[in-house]
Amino acid sequence: MNFLIRAAAIAAMLHITPIVVLVKRPDAVRALLPGADAYVAREVHLSGTDAHRLHETVDWSPEDGVLVFYGGTAGSTSVGALEFVRVDTPHGPIEVAVGFTPQGAVRGVVVTKATVEMKPWVLEAVAAGLTDHYRGLRPGGAPGVPGGAAGIAGRAGNLAVYVAGEVDKGVARALAAYGAFYNHVRA
């Protein structure tokens, strides 16, 4: 009996809730790379120096030191690229897909995964127009006033604004990674 009480206490302290898929990855890819008929995954293995530079910039390094960018083409014409970024929060992880135009600007942002607990907050933030605030951002820029969390502060509850701040982190990470490590675009 003592074991069950301890296990319940540990589970409550860890605050673990299951992850749910809000938007399937293939649907996010189609939305963020419209018109593409071919896709390619490009892995960028970061050196220790590059991983440290990225960590210094946005307080994050990708898992296993590998960034994965997905490019889309229509025939021989690039329609853009995207990256999936995980943001760990005290309430569990969220996953954000950030799509870029061929010119390097953010085309769109889709929150693809969240925990059961955060799902209503994410949906409220998105309904308040969260993802609209990121369009047009370029590497070297960061979500902020009036975009992202600040942009929905008057139209959403505190928890939706909180999760929007976590989405801001994901977008900032994608911008930094894309700007520093994807083809010709430099921050």
Protein backbone atom coordinates (compact mmCIF):
# COMPACT_ATOMS: atom_id res chain seq x y z
CA MET A 1 0.00 0.00 0.00
CA ASN A 2 2.85 2.34 0.88
CA PHE A 3 4.30 1.73 -2.61
CA LEU A 4 1.04 2.78 -4.30
CA ILE A 5 0.90 6.01 -2.33
CA ARG A 6 4.51 6.82 -3.21
CA ALA A 7 3.94 6.01 -6.87
CA ALA A 8 0.88 8.26 -6.98
CA ALA A 9 2.80 11.08 -5.30
CA ILE A 10 5.70 10.76 -7.77
CA ALA A 11 3.32 10.73 -10.74
CA ALA A 12 1.58 13.85 -9.42
CA MET A 13 4.91 15.60 -8.92
CA LEU A 14 6.13 14.73 -12.42
CA HIS A 15 2.92 16.15 -13.85
CA ILE A 16 2.96 13.76 -16.81
CA THR A 17 0.07 13.84 -19.24
CA PRO A 18 -0.15 12.03 -22.59
CA ILE A 19 0.82 13.73 -25.83
CA VAL A 20 -1.89 14.19 -28.44
CA VAL A 21 -1.50 14.92 -32.13
CA LEU A 22 -3.28 18.15 -33.02
CA VAL A 23 -2.25 18.14 -36.68
CA LYS A 24 -0.67 15.13 -38.37
CA ARG A 25 2.80 15.79 -39.75
CA PRO A 26 1.84 15.08 -43.39
CA ASP A 27 -1.02 17.59 -43.09
CA ALA A 28 1.35 20.21 -41.63
CA VAL A 29 3.81 19.58 -44.47
CA ARG A 30 1.08 20.04 -47.09
CA ALA A 31 -0.12 23.24 -45.40
CA LEU A 32 3.35 24.75 -45.04
CA LEU A 33 4.72 23.65 -48.42
CA PRO A 34 1.72 24.28 -50.68
CA GLY A 35 1.95 22.99 -54.23
CA ALA A 36 4.93 20.76 -53.54
CA ASP A 37 4.92 17.44 -55.33
CA ALA A 38 8.28 16.17 -54.06
CA TYR A 39 9.86 16.33 -50.64
CA VAL A 40 13.32 15.74 -49.27
CA ALA A 41 14.63 15.56 -45.72
CA ARG A 42 17.97 17.23 -45.14
CA GLU A 43 19.86 16.42 -41.96
CA VAL A 44 22.43 18.86 -40.66
CA HIS A 45 24.77 17.30 -38.10
CA LEU A 46 26.03 20.09 -35.87
CA SER A 47 29.58 20.27 -34.63
CA GLY A 48 30.09 20.96 -30.95
CA THR A 49 30.87 24.59 -31.81
CA ASP A 50 27.72 24.98 -33.92
CA ALA A 51 25.52 23.33 -31.29
CA HIS A 52 26.99 25.66 -28.66
CA ARG A 53 26.42 28.71 -30.88
CA LEU A 54 22.78 27.71 -31.38
CA HIS A 55 22.39 27.10 -27.65
CA GLU A 56 23.84 30.53 -26.86
CA THR A 57 21.47 32.16 -29.35
CA VAL A 58 18.16 30.54 -28.37
CA ASP A 59 18.93 28.43 -25.28
CA TRP A 60 18.36 25.22 -27.24
CA SER A 61 20.18 22.51 -29.10
CA PRO A 62 18.48 19.81 -31.16
CA GLU A 63 18.27 16.27 -29.89
CA ASP A 64 21.38 14.30 -30.82
CA GLY A 65 22.89 17.43 -32.42
CA VAL A 66 20.92 16.90 -35.64
CA LEU A 67 18.66 19.44 -37.33
CA VAL A 68 16.23 18.07 -39.90
CA PHE A 69 14.84 20.39 -42.57
CA TYR A 70 12.19 19.24 -45.03
CA GLY A 71 12.28 20.84 -48.46
CA GLY A 72 9.47 20.82 -50.98
CA THR A 73 9.58 21.32 -54.72
CA ALA A 74 7.04 21.66 -57.50
CA GLY A 75 8.83 20.27 -60.52
CA SER A 76 12.27 21.87 -60.32
CA THR A 77 11.09 24.92 -58.37
CA SER A 78 11.54 25.16 -54.61
CA VAL A 79 8.37 25.98 -52.69
CA GLY A 80 10.18 26.28 -49.37
CA ALA A 81 11.35 24.34 -46.37
CA LEU A 82 10.11 23.52 -42.91
CA GLU A 83 11.36 22.31 -39.57
CA PHE A 84 9.64 20.58 -36.67
CA VAL A 85 10.80 21.92 -33.30
CA ARG A 86 10.05 20.44 -29.89
CA VAL A 87 9.65 22.73 -26.90
CA ASP A 88 9.75 21.14 -23.46
CA THR A 89 7.61 22.90 -20.87
CA PRO A 90 6.73 22.14 -17.24
CA HIS A 91 3.41 20.85 -18.60
CA GLY A 92 5.01 18.54 -21.16
CA PRO A 93 6.30 18.96 -24.70
CA ILE A 94 4.75 20.73 -27.64
CA GLU A 95 5.84 20.39 -31.26
CA VAL A 96 5.77 23.31 -33.65
CA ALA A 97 6.18 23.10 -37.42
CA VAL A 98 7.61 26.27 -38.96
CA GLY A 99 7.48 26.66 -42.74
CA PHE A 100 9.68 29.01 -44.75
CA THR A 101 9.25 30.50 -48.21
CA PRO A 102 12.07 30.09 -50.76
CA GLN A 103 13.09 33.66 -49.83
CA GLY A 104 13.57 32.64 -46.19
CA ALA A 105 10.55 34.29 -44.55
CA VAL A 106 8.17 32.37 -42.29
CA ARG A 107 5.26 31.15 -44.40
CA GLY A 108 3.33 29.74 -41.49
CA VAL A 109 3.38 27.97 -38.16
CA VAL A 110 1.40 24.90 -37.10
CA VAL A 111 1.31 23.45 -33.58
CA THR A 112 1.32 19.72 -34.29
CA LYS A 113 1.53 18.15 -30.82
CA ALA A 114 0.77 19.06 -27.23
CA THR A 115 -0.14 17.29 -24.04
CA VAL A 116 -3.75 16.57 -23.13
CA GLU A 117 -3.46 19.27 -20.47
CA MET A 118 -2.20 21.93 -22.89
CA LYS A 119 -4.47 21.08 -25.81
CA PRO A 120 -7.26 23.51 -24.83
CA TRP A 121 -4.70 26.28 -24.25
CA VAL A 122 -3.13 25.68 -27.67
CA LEU A 123 -6.51 25.64 -29.39
CA GLU A 124 -7.51 28.88 -27.65
CA ALA A 125 -4.22 30.56 -28.62
CA VAL A 126 -4.54 29.46 -32.25
CA ALA A 127 -8.18 30.60 -32.35
CA ALA A 128 -7.03 34.01 -31.04
CA GLY A 129 -4.76 34.33 -34.09
CA LEU A 130 -1.44 33.22 -32.61
CA THR A 131 0.02 31.68 -35.75
CA ASP A 132 -0.89 34.69 -37.93
CA HIS A 133 1.64 36.82 -36.03
CA TYR A 134 4.66 34.87 -37.28
CA ARG A 135 4.14 35.26 -41.03
CA GLY A 136 6.89 37.20 -42.72
CA LEU A 137 9.46 36.88 -39.91
CA ARG A 138 12.99 36.28 -41.15
CA PRO A 139 16.04 34.70 -39.57
CA GLY A 140 17.60 37.18 -37.22
CA GLY A 141 14.14 38.32 -36.15
CA ALA A 142 12.28 36.91 -33.20
CA PRO A 143 8.66 36.69 -32.17
CA GLY A 144 7.75 39.56 -29.92
CA VAL A 145 5.65 42.66 -29.68
CA PRO A 146 3.19 42.77 -31.34
CA GLY A 147 3.51 39.16 -32.53
CA GLY A 148 3.22 35.81 -30.86
CA ALA A 149 2.14 35.72 -27.23
CA ALA A 150 2.08 39.52 -26.96
CA GLY A 151 -0.21 39.71 -29.97
CA ILE A 152 -2.95 37.60 -28.40
CA ALA A 153 -2.64 38.85 -24.81
CA GLY A 154 -5.87 40.85 -24.97
CA ARG A 155 -7.84 38.15 -26.78
CA ALA A 156 -7.00 34.98 -24.87
CA GLY A 157 -6.77 33.70 -21.32
CA ASN A 158 -3.60 33.53 -19.26
CA LEU A 159 -2.89 29.87 -19.99
CA ALA A 160 -3.33 30.36 -23.75
CA VAL A 161 -0.92 33.31 -23.58
CA TYR A 162 1.50 31.14 -21.58
CA VAL A 163 1.47 28.38 -24.20
CA ALA A 164 1.79 31.03 -26.92
CA GLY A 165 5.04 32.07 -25.24
CA GLU A 166 6.23 28.48 -25.56
CA VAL A 167 5.28 28.50 -29.26
CA ASP A 168 7.28 31.74 -29.54
CA LYS A 169 10.31 29.78 -28.29
CA GLY A 170 9.78 27.12 -30.95
CA VAL A 171 9.52 29.72 -33.70
CA ALA A 172 12.64 31.53 -32.42
CA ARG A 173 14.53 28.21 -32.44
CA ALA A 174 13.42 27.41 -35.98
CA LEU A 175 14.37 30.91 -37.17
CA ALA A 176 17.82 30.62 -35.60
CA ALA A 177 18.43 27.11 -36.98
CA TYR A 178 17.17 27.97 -40.46
CA GLY A 179 19.15 31.19 -40.61
CA ALA A 180 22.39 29.64 -39.48
CA PHE A 181 22.29 26.21 -41.11
CA TYR A 182 19.94 26.06 -44.10
CA ASN A 183 21.51 26.82 -47.51
CA HIS A 184 22.07 30.44 -48.38
CA VAL A 185 20.13 32.17 -45.61
CA ARG A 186 22.31 33.58 -42.83
CA ALA A 187 21.18 35.37 -39.68
